[in-house]
Amino acid sequence: MAPEPQQHLVFHSYEMNANESDTKLMNRIRVEFTTEPFVIGRTPEHAKAAETAAASAGLETEFGPFGTSAVGDRAEVMAALPAIVEAAIDGGAARISFQVTTSDSVPRKPGIHDALERLLLRVEVEMGAGLEELSREDKQRAVKVLEERGAFNLRGSVEDVADRLGVSRFTVYNYLNATS
């Protein structure tokens, strides 16, 4: 029997030159990460470990109920990613999701354009699975919950919800009509 292949994490390095240091604010990035499984009622060890790794790397962290964000200059954040992933895995994470925002406005407070994402994450936690993984009936319930919480008052939300559910926007409209 052949030995199991080892898994290696590889992130491309980034070096900042003298010209780039003048535009350091433009090189600030935010990485938002969620570790799973979620544990209702307490903070899982893998989530604490990932946040600690980010803070130990000198990043500005914000720990929340649905994930953690870490902000720093691009080189610092990219260098910290392997340690964050390793800490989460060592802490028992079965899944780690990342979203990276590059912008000259980082850091910023979550705004209206983050509202839908927060709603979607809450519904996923409440449903106990990613929206795409749900049965047809559970997807219909999720759409009803999102409608009750005002998700469809946000511009472009039908398309975003459809993408997250793994269905067409017409299917989302059908789900909405069925709940009316």
N, C-alpha and C. Protein backbone atom coordinates (compact mmCIF):
# COMPACT_ATOMS: atom_id res chain seq x y z
N MET A 1 0.85 -1.17 0.00
CA MET A 1 0.00 0.00 0.00
C MET A 1 0.90 1.24 0.00
N ALA A 2 0.62 2.17 -0.86
CA ALA A 2 1.43 3.39 -0.99
C ALA A 2 1.13 4.33 0.17
N PRO A 3 2.15 5.05 0.65
CA PRO A 3 1.90 6.00 1.74
C PRO A 3 1.03 7.16 1.24
N GLU A 4 0.27 7.74 2.20
CA GLU A 4 -0.58 8.87 1.86
C GLU A 4 0.27 10.07 1.50
N PRO A 5 -0.12 10.81 0.44
CA PRO A 5 0.64 12.02 0.10
C PRO A 5 0.47 13.08 1.18
N GLN A 6 1.53 13.80 1.44
CA GLN A 6 1.45 14.88 2.42
C GLN A 6 0.84 16.11 1.76
N GLN A 7 0.09 16.87 2.55
CA GLN A 7 -0.49 18.09 2.05
C GLN A 7 0.44 19.25 2.38
N HIS A 8 0.65 20.12 1.42
CA HIS A 8 1.50 21.28 1.63
C HIS A 8 0.72 22.54 1.28
N LEU A 9 0.86 23.56 2.09
CA LEU A 9 0.23 24.84 1.82
C LEU A 9 1.25 25.74 1.18
N VAL A 10 0.90 26.30 0.04
CA VAL A 10 1.82 27.19 -0.66
C VAL A 10 1.10 28.48 -0.98
N PHE A 11 1.62 29.58 -0.49
CA PHE A 11 1.11 30.89 -0.83
C PHE A 11 2.25 31.64 -1.49
N HIS A 12 1.96 32.33 -2.56
CA HIS A 12 2.99 33.08 -3.26
C HIS A 12 3.43 34.25 -2.40
N SER A 13 4.73 34.47 -2.33
CA SER A 13 5.23 35.57 -1.51
C SER A 13 5.09 36.88 -2.27
N TYR A 14 5.10 37.94 -1.52
CA TYR A 14 4.97 39.27 -2.09
C TYR A 14 6.03 40.13 -1.45
N GLU A 15 6.83 40.79 -2.24
CA GLU A 15 7.86 41.68 -1.72
C GLU A 15 7.51 43.11 -2.09
N MET A 16 7.61 44.01 -1.11
CA MET A 16 7.29 45.40 -1.33
C MET A 16 8.58 46.16 -1.63
N ASN A 17 8.62 46.87 -2.75
CA ASN A 17 9.81 47.66 -3.05
C ASN A 17 9.64 49.08 -2.55
N ALA A 18 10.67 49.90 -2.69
CA ALA A 18 10.66 51.26 -2.14
C ALA A 18 9.52 52.10 -2.69
N ASN A 19 9.23 52.00 -3.98
CA ASN A 19 8.14 52.79 -4.56
C ASN A 19 6.79 52.39 -3.96
N GLU A 20 6.62 51.12 -3.68
CA GLU A 20 5.35 50.66 -3.13
C GLU A 20 5.17 51.10 -1.68
N SER A 21 6.25 51.29 -0.95
CA SER A 21 6.10 51.68 0.45
C SER A 21 5.45 53.04 0.59
N ASP A 22 5.55 53.90 -0.44
CA ASP A 22 4.90 55.20 -0.41
C ASP A 22 3.39 55.08 -0.50
N THR A 23 2.93 53.97 -1.03
CA THR A 23 1.48 53.77 -1.17
C THR A 23 1.02 52.62 -0.29
N LYS A 24 1.55 52.59 0.93
CA LYS A 24 1.26 51.48 1.83
C LYS A 24 -0.24 51.33 2.11
N LEU A 25 -0.96 52.44 2.22
CA LEU A 25 -2.39 52.35 2.47
C LEU A 25 -3.08 51.58 1.34
N MET A 26 -2.63 51.80 0.11
CA MET A 26 -3.25 51.10 -1.02
C MET A 26 -2.93 49.61 -1.01
N ASN A 27 -1.90 49.21 -0.26
CA ASN A 27 -1.53 47.81 -0.19
C ASN A 27 -2.13 47.11 1.02
N ARG A 28 -2.99 47.81 1.75
CA ARG A 28 -3.65 47.16 2.88
C ARG A 28 -4.75 46.26 2.34
N ILE A 29 -4.82 45.09 2.92
CA ILE A 29 -5.87 44.15 2.53
C ILE A 29 -6.54 43.59 3.76
N ARG A 30 -7.75 43.13 3.55
CA ARG A 30 -8.51 42.48 4.61
C ARG A 30 -8.75 41.04 4.17
N VAL A 31 -8.48 40.13 5.07
CA VAL A 31 -8.83 38.74 4.83
C VAL A 31 -9.88 38.37 5.87
N GLU A 32 -10.99 37.85 5.39
CA GLU A 32 -12.05 37.39 6.28
C GLU A 32 -12.08 35.87 6.16
N PHE A 33 -12.08 35.21 7.30
CA PHE A 33 -12.08 33.75 7.25
C PHE A 33 -13.09 33.18 8.22
N THR A 34 -13.67 32.08 7.80
CA THR A 34 -14.64 31.35 8.59
C THR A 34 -14.14 29.92 8.71
N THR A 35 -14.15 29.41 9.93
CA THR A 35 -13.76 28.03 10.15
C THR A 35 -15.00 27.24 10.55
N GLU A 36 -15.03 26.01 10.12
CA GLU A 36 -16.16 25.14 10.43
C GLU A 36 -15.64 23.83 11.00
N PRO A 37 -16.41 23.13 11.76
CA PRO A 37 -17.84 23.28 11.97
C PRO A 37 -18.14 24.39 12.98
N PHE A 38 -19.34 24.99 12.81
CA PHE A 38 -19.84 25.96 13.77
C PHE A 38 -20.29 25.21 15.01
N VAL A 39 -20.13 25.83 16.15
CA VAL A 39 -20.58 25.24 17.41
C VAL A 39 -21.52 26.26 18.05
N ILE A 40 -22.77 25.89 18.18
CA ILE A 40 -23.76 26.80 18.75
C ILE A 40 -23.52 26.90 20.26
N GLY A 41 -23.46 28.14 20.74
CA GLY A 41 -23.34 28.37 22.17
C GLY A 41 -21.94 28.54 22.70
N ARG A 42 -20.92 28.25 21.90
CA ARG A 42 -19.55 28.46 22.36
C ARG A 42 -18.64 28.65 21.16
N THR A 43 -17.48 29.23 21.42
CA THR A 43 -16.52 29.47 20.36
C THR A 43 -15.65 28.24 20.19
N PRO A 44 -15.59 27.68 18.98
CA PRO A 44 -14.78 26.48 18.76
C PRO A 44 -13.28 26.79 18.87
N GLU A 45 -12.53 25.80 19.30
CA GLU A 45 -11.08 25.96 19.45
C GLU A 45 -10.41 26.35 18.14
N HIS A 46 -10.87 25.80 17.02
CA HIS A 46 -10.23 26.11 15.73
C HIS A 46 -10.41 27.58 15.37
N ALA A 47 -11.54 28.18 15.75
CA ALA A 47 -11.76 29.60 15.47
C ALA A 47 -10.85 30.47 16.34
N LYS A 48 -10.72 30.10 17.62
CA LYS A 48 -9.83 30.84 18.53
C LYS A 48 -8.39 30.74 18.05
N ALA A 49 -7.98 29.54 17.63
CA ALA A 49 -6.60 29.33 17.20
C ALA A 49 -6.27 30.14 15.95
N ALA A 50 -7.19 30.20 15.00
CA ALA A 50 -6.96 30.96 13.77
C ALA A 50 -6.84 32.45 14.07
N GLU A 51 -7.70 32.96 14.94
CA GLU A 51 -7.66 34.38 15.31
C GLU A 51 -6.36 34.70 16.04
N THR A 52 -5.93 33.82 16.93
CA THR A 52 -4.68 34.01 17.67
C THR A 52 -3.50 34.04 16.71
N ALA A 53 -3.51 33.17 15.71
CA ALA A 53 -2.41 33.15 14.73
C ALA A 53 -2.36 34.47 13.95
N ALA A 54 -3.52 35.00 13.58
CA ALA A 54 -3.56 36.27 12.85
C ALA A 54 -3.05 37.41 13.74
N ALA A 55 -3.49 37.44 14.99
CA ALA A 55 -3.06 38.50 15.91
C ALA A 55 -1.56 38.37 16.20
N SER A 56 -1.07 37.15 16.34
CA SER A 56 0.36 36.93 16.60
C SER A 56 1.23 37.39 15.44
N ALA A 57 0.66 37.42 14.24
CA ALA A 57 1.39 37.88 13.07
C ALA A 57 1.37 39.41 12.95
N GLY A 58 0.75 40.06 13.93
CA GLY A 58 0.72 41.52 13.93
C GLY A 58 -0.43 42.13 13.15
N LEU A 59 -1.40 41.32 12.78
CA LEU A 59 -2.54 41.84 12.03
C LEU A 59 -3.59 42.38 12.99
N GLU A 60 -4.35 43.37 12.53
CA GLU A 60 -5.47 43.90 13.30
C GLU A 60 -6.62 42.92 13.11
N THR A 61 -7.10 42.32 14.18
CA THR A 61 -8.15 41.31 14.05
C THR A 61 -9.45 41.78 14.67
N GLU A 62 -10.53 41.24 14.13
CA GLU A 62 -11.86 41.44 14.69
C GLU A 62 -12.54 40.08 14.68
N PHE A 63 -12.83 39.58 15.86
CA PHE A 63 -13.43 38.27 16.01
C PHE A 63 -14.93 38.42 16.12
N GLY A 64 -15.68 37.71 15.29
CA GLY A 64 -17.14 37.81 15.31
C GLY A 64 -17.79 36.45 15.35
N PRO A 65 -19.11 36.41 15.51
CA PRO A 65 -19.81 35.13 15.63
C PRO A 65 -19.80 34.30 14.36
N PHE A 66 -19.58 34.94 13.20
CA PHE A 66 -19.62 34.19 11.95
C PHE A 66 -18.29 34.18 11.22
N GLY A 67 -17.25 34.69 11.86
CA GLY A 67 -15.94 34.68 11.23
C GLY A 67 -15.02 35.71 11.84
N THR A 68 -13.83 35.75 11.33
CA THR A 68 -12.81 36.66 11.82
C THR A 68 -12.26 37.44 10.64
N SER A 69 -11.97 38.72 10.87
CA SER A 69 -11.30 39.49 9.84
C SER A 69 -9.95 39.92 10.37
N ALA A 70 -8.99 40.00 9.47
CA ALA A 70 -7.64 40.44 9.81
C ALA A 70 -7.20 41.42 8.75
N VAL A 71 -6.62 42.54 9.19
CA VAL A 71 -6.22 43.61 8.29
C VAL A 71 -4.75 43.92 8.51
N GLY A 72 -4.06 44.15 7.42
CA GLY A 72 -2.66 44.55 7.48
C GLY A 72 -2.17 44.89 6.09
N ASP A 73 -0.88 45.20 6.00
CA ASP A 73 -0.40 45.44 4.65
C ASP A 73 -0.30 44.09 3.94
N ARG A 74 -0.29 44.16 2.64
CA ARG A 74 -0.38 42.95 1.81
C ARG A 74 0.67 41.91 2.17
N ALA A 75 1.90 42.32 2.33
CA ALA A 75 2.97 41.37 2.63
C ALA A 75 2.73 40.68 3.97
N GLU A 76 2.30 41.42 4.98
CA GLU A 76 2.03 40.84 6.30
C GLU A 76 0.90 39.83 6.24
N VAL A 77 -0.18 40.20 5.56
CA VAL A 77 -1.33 39.30 5.48
C VAL A 77 -0.97 38.03 4.72
N MET A 78 -0.32 38.18 3.57
CA MET A 78 0.05 37.00 2.77
C MET A 78 1.00 36.09 3.55
N ALA A 79 1.91 36.67 4.30
CA ALA A 79 2.85 35.86 5.09
C ALA A 79 2.13 35.14 6.23
N ALA A 80 1.05 35.71 6.74
CA ALA A 80 0.33 35.12 7.87
C ALA A 80 -0.63 34.00 7.48
N LEU A 81 -1.06 33.94 6.23
CA LEU A 81 -2.08 32.97 5.82
C LEU A 81 -1.72 31.51 6.14
N PRO A 82 -0.50 31.05 5.84
CA PRO A 82 -0.21 29.65 6.19
C PRO A 82 -0.34 29.36 7.68
N ALA A 83 0.08 30.29 8.53
CA ALA A 83 -0.02 30.08 9.98
C ALA A 83 -1.48 30.06 10.43
N ILE A 84 -2.32 30.90 9.81
CA ILE A 84 -3.75 30.92 10.15
C ILE A 84 -4.39 29.58 9.77
N VAL A 85 -4.09 29.10 8.57
CA VAL A 85 -4.65 27.82 8.11
C VAL A 85 -4.17 26.68 9.00
N GLU A 86 -2.87 26.64 9.27
CA GLU A 86 -2.31 25.57 10.12
C GLU A 86 -2.95 25.57 11.50
N ALA A 87 -3.10 26.76 12.10
CA ALA A 87 -3.68 26.86 13.44
C ALA A 87 -5.13 26.36 13.44
N ALA A 88 -5.89 26.74 12.42
CA ALA A 88 -7.28 26.29 12.34
C ALA A 88 -7.37 24.78 12.18
N ILE A 89 -6.55 24.23 11.30
CA ILE A 89 -6.57 22.77 11.09
C ILE A 89 -6.13 22.04 12.36
N ASP A 90 -5.05 22.53 12.97
CA ASP A 90 -4.58 21.91 14.21
C ASP A 90 -5.62 22.02 15.32
N GLY A 91 -6.46 23.06 15.26
CA GLY A 91 -7.52 23.25 16.25
C GLY A 91 -8.78 22.45 15.95
N GLY A 92 -8.79 21.72 14.84
CA GLY A 92 -9.92 20.85 14.53
C GLY A 92 -10.85 21.32 13.43
N ALA A 93 -10.47 22.36 12.68
CA ALA A 93 -11.35 22.83 11.61
C ALA A 93 -11.44 21.80 10.49
N ALA A 94 -12.65 21.60 10.01
CA ALA A 94 -12.87 20.69 8.88
C ALA A 94 -12.95 21.46 7.58
N ARG A 95 -13.22 22.78 7.68
CA ARG A 95 -13.35 23.61 6.50
C ARG A 95 -12.96 25.04 6.87
N ILE A 96 -12.23 25.69 5.97
CA ILE A 96 -11.83 27.07 6.18
C ILE A 96 -12.13 27.82 4.89
N SER A 97 -12.90 28.90 5.01
CA SER A 97 -13.25 29.71 3.85
C SER A 97 -12.62 31.08 4.00
N PHE A 98 -12.05 31.59 2.91
CA PHE A 98 -11.40 32.90 2.92
C PHE A 98 -12.07 33.82 1.91
N GLN A 99 -12.09 35.10 2.26
CA GLN A 99 -12.45 36.15 1.32
C GLN A 99 -11.42 37.25 1.52
N VAL A 100 -10.79 37.67 0.45
CA VAL A 100 -9.77 38.70 0.52
C VAL A 100 -10.26 39.95 -0.21
N THR A 101 -10.16 41.08 0.46
CA THR A 101 -10.55 42.36 -0.12
C THR A 101 -9.31 43.22 -0.27
N THR A 102 -9.06 43.64 -1.50
CA THR A 102 -7.95 44.56 -1.75
C THR A 102 -8.55 45.89 -2.13
N SER A 103 -8.16 46.93 -1.40
CA SER A 103 -8.76 48.23 -1.66
C SER A 103 -7.98 49.30 -0.93
N ASP A 104 -8.03 50.51 -1.47
CA ASP A 104 -7.40 51.61 -0.76
C ASP A 104 -8.26 52.09 0.40
N SER A 105 -9.46 51.52 0.55
CA SER A 105 -10.32 51.92 1.65
C SER A 105 -10.24 50.97 2.84
N VAL A 106 -9.43 49.93 2.76
CA VAL A 106 -9.29 49.00 3.88
C VAL A 106 -8.43 49.67 4.93
N PRO A 107 -8.71 49.61 6.20
CA PRO A 107 -9.88 48.97 6.77
C PRO A 107 -11.11 49.86 6.71
N ARG A 108 -12.24 49.21 6.72
CA ARG A 108 -13.50 49.94 6.73
C ARG A 108 -14.48 49.15 7.58
N LYS A 109 -15.48 49.83 8.05
CA LYS A 109 -16.53 49.18 8.81
C LYS A 109 -17.45 48.47 7.82
N PRO A 110 -18.03 47.34 8.23
CA PRO A 110 -18.98 46.69 7.34
C PRO A 110 -20.11 47.65 7.00
N GLY A 111 -20.51 47.65 5.74
CA GLY A 111 -21.56 48.56 5.29
C GLY A 111 -22.73 47.81 4.72
N ILE A 112 -23.56 48.53 4.01
CA ILE A 112 -24.78 47.95 3.46
C ILE A 112 -24.46 46.84 2.48
N HIS A 113 -23.34 46.94 1.73
CA HIS A 113 -23.03 45.89 0.77
C HIS A 113 -22.58 44.60 1.46
N ASP A 114 -22.27 44.66 2.75
CA ASP A 114 -21.94 43.45 3.50
C ASP A 114 -23.17 42.83 4.14
N ALA A 115 -24.29 43.56 4.13
CA ALA A 115 -25.49 43.11 4.83
C ALA A 115 -26.00 41.77 4.29
N LEU A 116 -26.04 41.62 2.98
CA LEU A 116 -26.54 40.38 2.41
C LEU A 116 -25.65 39.21 2.79
N GLU A 117 -24.36 39.42 2.74
CA GLU A 117 -23.43 38.33 3.11
C GLU A 117 -23.65 37.92 4.56
N ARG A 118 -23.84 38.89 5.44
CA ARG A 118 -24.09 38.57 6.85
C ARG A 118 -25.40 37.79 7.00
N LEU A 119 -26.44 38.20 6.27
CA LEU A 119 -27.71 37.48 6.31
C LEU A 119 -27.55 36.04 5.81
N LEU A 120 -26.84 35.89 4.70
CA LEU A 120 -26.64 34.55 4.13
C LEU A 120 -25.88 33.65 5.10
N LEU A 121 -24.84 34.19 5.73
CA LEU A 121 -24.07 33.41 6.70
C LEU A 121 -24.93 33.00 7.89
N ARG A 122 -25.76 33.92 8.38
CA ARG A 122 -26.64 33.58 9.51
C ARG A 122 -27.59 32.45 9.15
N VAL A 123 -28.16 32.53 7.96
CA VAL A 123 -29.11 31.50 7.53
C VAL A 123 -28.39 30.16 7.37
N GLU A 124 -27.18 30.17 6.82
CA GLU A 124 -26.42 28.93 6.71
C GLU A 124 -26.17 28.31 8.07
N VAL A 125 -25.81 29.13 9.05
CA VAL A 125 -25.58 28.62 10.41
C VAL A 125 -26.87 28.04 10.97
N GLU A 126 -27.97 28.76 10.81
CA GLU A 126 -29.26 28.29 11.32
C GLU A 126 -29.73 27.01 10.64
N MET A 127 -29.43 26.89 9.34
CA MET A 127 -29.85 25.71 8.60
C MET A 127 -28.88 24.54 8.80
N GLY A 128 -27.70 24.83 9.28
CA GLY A 128 -26.73 23.77 9.57
C GLY A 128 -25.93 23.29 8.38
N ALA A 129 -25.98 24.03 7.27
CA ALA A 129 -25.23 23.63 6.07
C ALA A 129 -25.13 24.81 5.13
N GLY A 130 -24.23 24.70 4.17
CA GLY A 130 -24.14 25.70 3.12
C GLY A 130 -25.44 25.70 2.31
N LEU A 131 -25.86 26.85 1.83
CA LEU A 131 -27.14 26.94 1.14
C LEU A 131 -27.23 26.03 -0.08
N GLU A 132 -26.14 25.87 -0.79
CA GLU A 132 -26.14 25.03 -1.99
C GLU A 132 -26.36 23.56 -1.64
N GLU A 133 -26.00 23.18 -0.42
CA GLU A 133 -26.10 21.78 0.01
C GLU A 133 -27.50 21.41 0.48
N LEU A 134 -28.38 22.38 0.66
CA LEU A 134 -29.71 22.13 1.21
C LEU A 134 -30.62 21.42 0.22
N SER A 135 -31.61 20.72 0.76
CA SER A 135 -32.65 20.11 -0.08
C SER A 135 -33.52 21.23 -0.67
N ARG A 136 -34.34 20.87 -1.63
CA ARG A 136 -35.22 21.85 -2.26
C ARG A 136 -36.12 22.51 -1.22
N GLU A 137 -36.69 21.72 -0.33
CA GLU A 137 -37.58 22.26 0.70
C GLU A 137 -36.84 23.22 1.63
N ASP A 138 -35.63 22.85 2.01
CA ASP A 138 -34.84 23.72 2.89
C ASP A 138 -34.40 24.99 2.17
N LYS A 139 -34.14 24.91 0.88
CA LYS A 139 -33.82 26.11 0.11
C LYS A 139 -35.02 27.06 0.10
N GLN A 140 -36.22 26.50 -0.04
CA GLN A 140 -37.43 27.32 0.00
C GLN A 140 -37.58 27.98 1.38
N ARG A 141 -37.31 27.22 2.44
CA ARG A 141 -37.37 27.80 3.80
C ARG A 141 -36.33 28.90 3.95
N ALA A 142 -35.13 28.68 3.42
CA ALA A 142 -34.07 29.69 3.51
C ALA A 142 -34.47 30.97 2.80
N VAL A 143 -35.09 30.84 1.62
CA VAL A 143 -35.54 32.02 0.88
C VAL A 143 -36.62 32.75 1.68
N LYS A 144 -37.51 32.01 2.31
CA LYS A 144 -38.56 32.63 3.13
C LYS A 144 -37.93 33.41 4.29
N VAL A 145 -36.95 32.82 4.96
CA VAL A 145 -36.27 33.50 6.07
C VAL A 145 -35.57 34.75 5.57
N LEU A 146 -34.88 34.64 4.44
CA LEU A 146 -34.20 35.80 3.87
C LEU A 146 -35.18 36.91 3.51
N GLU A 147 -36.34 36.53 2.97
CA GLU A 147 -37.35 37.53 2.64
C GLU A 147 -37.87 38.21 3.91
N GLU A 148 -38.13 37.43 4.95
CA GLU A 148 -38.61 37.99 6.22
C GLU A 148 -37.61 38.97 6.82
N ARG A 149 -36.35 38.74 6.57
CA ARG A 149 -35.29 39.59 7.14
C ARG A 149 -34.89 40.74 6.22
N GLY A 150 -35.59 40.89 5.09
CA GLY A 150 -35.37 42.02 4.21
C GLY A 150 -34.25 41.87 3.21
N ALA A 151 -33.75 40.67 3.01
CA ALA A 151 -32.63 40.47 2.10
C ALA A 151 -32.95 40.91 0.68
N PHE A 152 -34.17 40.74 0.26
CA PHE A 152 -34.52 41.03 -1.12
C PHE A 152 -34.82 42.51 -1.36
N ASN A 153 -34.68 43.32 -0.32
CA ASN A 153 -34.77 44.77 -0.48
C ASN A 153 -33.44 45.36 -0.95
N LEU A 154 -32.38 44.54 -0.90
CA LEU A 154 -31.05 44.99 -1.31
C LEU A 154 -30.86 44.78 -2.80
N ARG A 155 -30.28 45.75 -3.45
CA ARG A 155 -30.07 45.70 -4.90
C ARG A 155 -29.19 44.52 -5.29
N GLY A 156 -29.63 43.77 -6.29
CA GLY A 156 -28.87 42.64 -6.81
C GLY A 156 -28.93 41.39 -5.96
N SER A 157 -29.76 41.41 -4.93
CA SER A 157 -29.77 40.29 -3.98
C SER A 157 -30.32 39.00 -4.57
N VAL A 158 -31.28 39.08 -5.48
CA VAL A 158 -31.86 37.85 -6.05
C VAL A 158 -30.78 37.04 -6.75
N GLU A 159 -29.96 37.72 -7.56
CA GLU A 159 -28.88 37.02 -8.27
C GLU A 159 -27.86 36.44 -7.29
N ASP A 160 -27.52 37.23 -6.25
CA ASP A 160 -26.54 36.74 -5.28
C ASP A 160 -27.07 35.54 -4.50
N VAL A 161 -28.34 35.60 -4.11
CA VAL A 161 -28.95 34.48 -3.38
C VAL A 161 -29.02 33.26 -4.29
N ALA A 162 -29.40 33.46 -5.55
CA ALA A 162 -29.47 32.34 -6.50
C ALA A 162 -28.10 31.68 -6.64
N ASP A 163 -27.05 32.48 -6.78
CA ASP A 163 -25.70 31.92 -6.88
C ASP A 163 -25.36 31.09 -5.65
N ARG A 164 -25.67 31.61 -4.48
CA ARG A 164 -25.35 30.91 -3.23
C ARG A 164 -26.14 29.62 -3.08
N LEU A 165 -27.40 29.63 -3.56
CA LEU A 165 -28.24 28.43 -3.49
C LEU A 165 -27.89 27.40 -4.57
N GLY A 166 -27.21 27.86 -5.62
CA GLY A 166 -26.91 26.97 -6.73
C GLY A 166 -28.11 26.76 -7.64
N VAL A 167 -28.97 27.79 -7.73
CA VAL A 167 -30.16 27.73 -8.58
C VAL A 167 -30.20 28.98 -9.46
N SER A 168 -31.17 29.03 -10.36
CA SER A 168 -31.32 30.22 -11.19
C SER A 168 -32.09 31.29 -10.43
N ARG A 169 -32.00 32.53 -10.93
CA ARG A 169 -32.77 33.61 -10.28
C ARG A 169 -34.26 33.37 -10.46
N PHE A 170 -34.65 32.71 -11.55
CA PHE A 170 -36.06 32.40 -11.76
C PHE A 170 -36.57 31.44 -10.68
N THR A 171 -35.71 30.51 -10.27
CA THR A 171 -36.08 29.59 -9.19
C THR A 171 -36.28 30.36 -7.89
N VAL A 172 -35.42 31.34 -7.62
CA VAL A 172 -35.59 32.15 -6.41
C VAL A 172 -36.92 32.90 -6.48
N TYR A 173 -37.24 33.48 -7.65
CA TYR A 173 -38.54 34.16 -7.80
C TYR A 173 -39.69 33.19 -7.58
N ASN A 174 -39.56 31.94 -8.06
CA ASN A 174 -40.60 30.95 -7.83
C ASN A 174 -40.75 30.64 -6.33
N TYR A 175 -39.61 30.51 -5.65
CA TYR A 175 -39.65 30.28 -4.19
C TYR A 175 -40.33 31.45 -3.49
N LEU A 176 -40.03 32.67 -3.92
CA LEU A 176 -40.64 33.85 -3.32
C LEU A 176 -42.15 33.87 -3.56
N ASN A 177 -42.57 33.53 -4.77
CA ASN A 177 -44.00 33.49 -5.09
C ASN A 177 -44.70 32.41 -4.31
N ALA A 178 -44.03 31.29 -4.08
CA ALA A 178 -44.64 30.17 -3.33
C ALA A 178 -44.87 30.53 -1.87
N THR A 179 -44.04 31.42 -1.32
CA THR A 179 -44.19 31.79 0.09
C THR A 179 -45.14 32.94 0.29
N SER A 180 -45.58 33.59 -0.79
CA SER A 180 -46.48 34.74 -0.67
C SER A 180 -47.92 34.31 -0.48
